[in-house]
Amino acid sequence: MVVSMFVLLLFVNGDIKEFMGHHENDKGQWVEMGMSGCLGMKRTLKRNGWRDSNSGKTRFVCEKHKVLVKNNYKGLPTVVRIVD
């Protein structure tokens, strides 16, 4: 199913290398991140030592995209591909 949602993207040398649109909340439920969850995940990464490079070659970004969502092997919705 193609949906529009916020995803956390890792850019390396201008190419998208990793992305995620869902996470496990405090209650242990698998949920869509949304903008607040995406920014929260980015803050957590910075607290744990991640730094965007000054040259911009590696960086995390929260953006809204159309994505293909399918259930993974556990039956949980997961972003498979960025469509746009």
C-alpha atoms as a PDB file:
ATOM      1  CA  MET A   1       0.000   0.000   0.000  1.00  0.00           C
ATOM      2  CA  VAL A   2       1.352   3.447  -0.916  1.00  0.00           C
ATOM      3  CA  VAL A   3       0.888   6.114   1.777  1.00  0.00           C
ATOM      4  CA  SER A   4       2.213   9.570   2.528  1.00  0.00           C
ATOM      5  CA  MET A   5       4.121   9.740   5.815  1.00  0.00           C
ATOM      6  CA  PHE A   6       7.125  11.221   7.628  1.00  0.00           C
ATOM      7  CA  VAL A   7      10.265   9.119   7.422  1.00  0.00           C
ATOM      8  CA  LEU A   8      13.705   9.469   8.972  1.00  0.00           C
ATOM      9  CA  LEU A   9      16.282   9.352   6.177  1.00  0.00           C
ATOM     10  CA  LEU A  10      20.043   8.800   6.368  1.00  0.00           C
ATOM     11  CA  PHE A  11      21.854  10.480   3.480  1.00  0.00           C
ATOM     12  CA  VAL A  12      25.427   9.460   2.658  1.00  0.00           C
ATOM     13  CA  ASN A  13      27.112  11.381  -0.177  1.00  0.00           C
ATOM     14  CA  GLY A  14      23.705  12.651  -1.333  1.00  0.00           C
ATOM     15  CA  ASP A  15      22.104   9.182  -1.626  1.00  0.00           C
ATOM     16  CA  ILE A  16      19.512   7.710   0.737  1.00  0.00           C
ATOM     17  CA  LYS A  17      21.110   4.735   2.515  1.00  0.00           C
ATOM     18  CA  GLU A  18      18.628   3.996   5.333  1.00  0.00           C
ATOM     19  CA  PHE A  19      15.078   5.007   6.190  1.00  0.00           C
ATOM     20  CA  MET A  20      12.400   4.248   8.746  1.00  0.00           C
ATOM     21  CA  GLY A  21       8.811   5.331   9.269  1.00  0.00           C
ATOM     22  CA  HIS A  22       7.659   3.214  12.242  1.00  0.00           C
ATOM     23  CA  HIS A  23       8.961   2.613  15.749  1.00  0.00           C
ATOM     24  CA  GLU A  24       8.019   0.935  19.014  1.00  0.00           C
ATOM     25  CA  ASN A  25       6.387   3.364  21.455  1.00  0.00           C
ATOM     26  CA  ASP A  26       6.639   3.393  25.277  1.00  0.00           C
ATOM     27  CA  LYS A  27       3.795   0.863  25.538  1.00  0.00           C
ATOM     28  CA  GLY A  28       5.566  -1.591  23.240  1.00  0.00           C
ATOM     29  CA  GLN A  29       3.230  -0.932  20.300  1.00  0.00           C
ATOM     30  CA  TRP A  30       4.482  -0.591  16.722  1.00  0.00           C
ATOM     31  CA  VAL A  31       3.285   2.814  15.425  1.00  0.00           C
ATOM     32  CA  GLU A  32       3.885   5.297  12.626  1.00  0.00           C
ATOM     33  CA  MET A  33       6.482   7.871  13.702  1.00  0.00           C
ATOM     34  CA  GLY A  34       4.908  11.067  12.417  1.00  0.00           C
ATOM     35  CA  MET A  35       6.820  14.344  12.592  1.00  0.00           C
ATOM     36  CA  SER A  36       7.197  14.393  16.394  1.00  0.00           C
ATOM     37  CA  GLY A  37       8.426  10.795  16.519  1.00  0.00           C
ATOM     38  CA  CYS A  38      10.852  11.419  13.676  1.00  0.00           C
ATOM     39  CA  LEU A  39      12.345  14.487  15.356  1.00  0.00           C
ATOM     40  CA  GLY A  40      12.489  12.594  18.659  1.00  0.00           C
ATOM     41  CA  MET A  41      14.421   9.761  17.028  1.00  0.00           C
ATOM     42  CA  LYS A  42      16.814  12.288  15.466  1.00  0.00           C
ATOM     43  CA  ARG A  43      17.393  13.893  18.903  1.00  0.00           C
ATOM     44  CA  THR A  44      18.050  10.454  20.416  1.00  0.00           C
ATOM     45  CA  LEU A  45      20.657   9.746  17.734  1.00  0.00           C
ATOM     46  CA  LYS A  46      22.411  13.058  18.489  1.00  0.00           C
ATOM     47  CA  ARG A  47      22.398  12.321  22.236  1.00  0.00           C
ATOM     48  CA  ASN A  48      24.018   8.971  21.510  1.00  0.00           C
ATOM     49  CA  GLY A  49      26.883  10.544  19.596  1.00  0.00           C
ATOM     50  CA  TRP A  50      25.696  10.936  15.981  1.00  0.00           C
ATOM     51  CA  ARG A  51      26.797  14.156  14.330  1.00  0.00           C
ATOM     52  CA  ASP A  52      25.942  15.311  10.822  1.00  0.00           C
ATOM     53  CA  SER A  53      29.158  15.999   8.935  1.00  0.00           C
ATOM     54  CA  ASN A  54      30.067  19.637   8.314  1.00  0.00           C
ATOM     55  CA  SER A  55      30.418  18.916   4.607  1.00  0.00           C
ATOM     56  CA  GLY A  56      26.895  17.469   4.440  1.00  0.00           C
ATOM     57  CA  LYS A  57      28.121  14.077   3.226  1.00  0.00           C
ATOM     58  CA  THR A  58      26.293  12.261   6.036  1.00  0.00           C
ATOM     59  CA  ARG A  59      23.101  13.575   7.626  1.00  0.00           C
ATOM     60  CA  PHE A  60      19.761  12.511   9.085  1.00  0.00           C
ATOM     61  CA  VAL A  61      16.624  14.300   7.835  1.00  0.00           C
ATOM     62  CA  CYS A  62      12.897  14.055   8.633  1.00  0.00           C
ATOM     63  CA  GLU A  63      10.847  14.425   5.446  1.00  0.00           C
ATOM     64  CA  LYS A  64       7.346  13.616   4.246  1.00  0.00           C
ATOM     65  CA  HIS A  65       7.324  11.179   1.313  1.00  0.00           C
ATOM     66  CA  LYS A  66       5.050   8.743  -0.461  1.00  0.00           C
ATOM     67  CA  VAL A  67       6.261   5.298   0.582  1.00  0.00           C
ATOM     68  CA  LEU A  68       5.395   1.665  -0.055  1.00  0.00           C
ATOM     69  CA  VAL A  69       4.375  -0.024   3.213  1.00  0.00           C
ATOM     70  CA  LYS A  70       4.201  -3.819   3.593  1.00  0.00           C
ATOM     71  CA  ASN A  71       4.039  -6.137   6.580  1.00  0.00           C
ATOM     72  CA  ASN A  72       7.373  -7.608   7.662  1.00  0.00           C
ATOM     73  CA  TYR A  73       7.967 -11.197   8.805  1.00  0.00           C
ATOM     74  CA  LYS A  74       6.365 -10.370  12.187  1.00  0.00           C
ATOM     75  CA  GLY A  75       3.273  -8.934  10.513  1.00  0.00           C
ATOM     76  CA  LEU A  76       4.180  -5.336  11.425  1.00  0.00           C
ATOM     77  CA  PRO A  77       3.872  -2.510   8.863  1.00  0.00           C
ATOM     78  CA  THR A  78       7.277  -1.433   7.548  1.00  0.00           C
ATOM     79  CA  VAL A  79       8.446   1.067   4.940  1.00  0.00           C
ATOM     80  CA  VAL A  80       9.828  -0.979   2.064  1.00  0.00           C
ATOM     81  CA  ARG A  81      10.570   1.689  -0.524  1.00  0.00           C
ATOM     82  CA  ILE A  82      10.318   5.430  -1.062  1.00  0.00           C
ATOM     83  CA  VAL A  83       8.086   6.043  -4.085  1.00  0.00           C
ATOM     84  CA  ASP A  84       8.634   9.761  -4.787  1.00  0.00           C
END
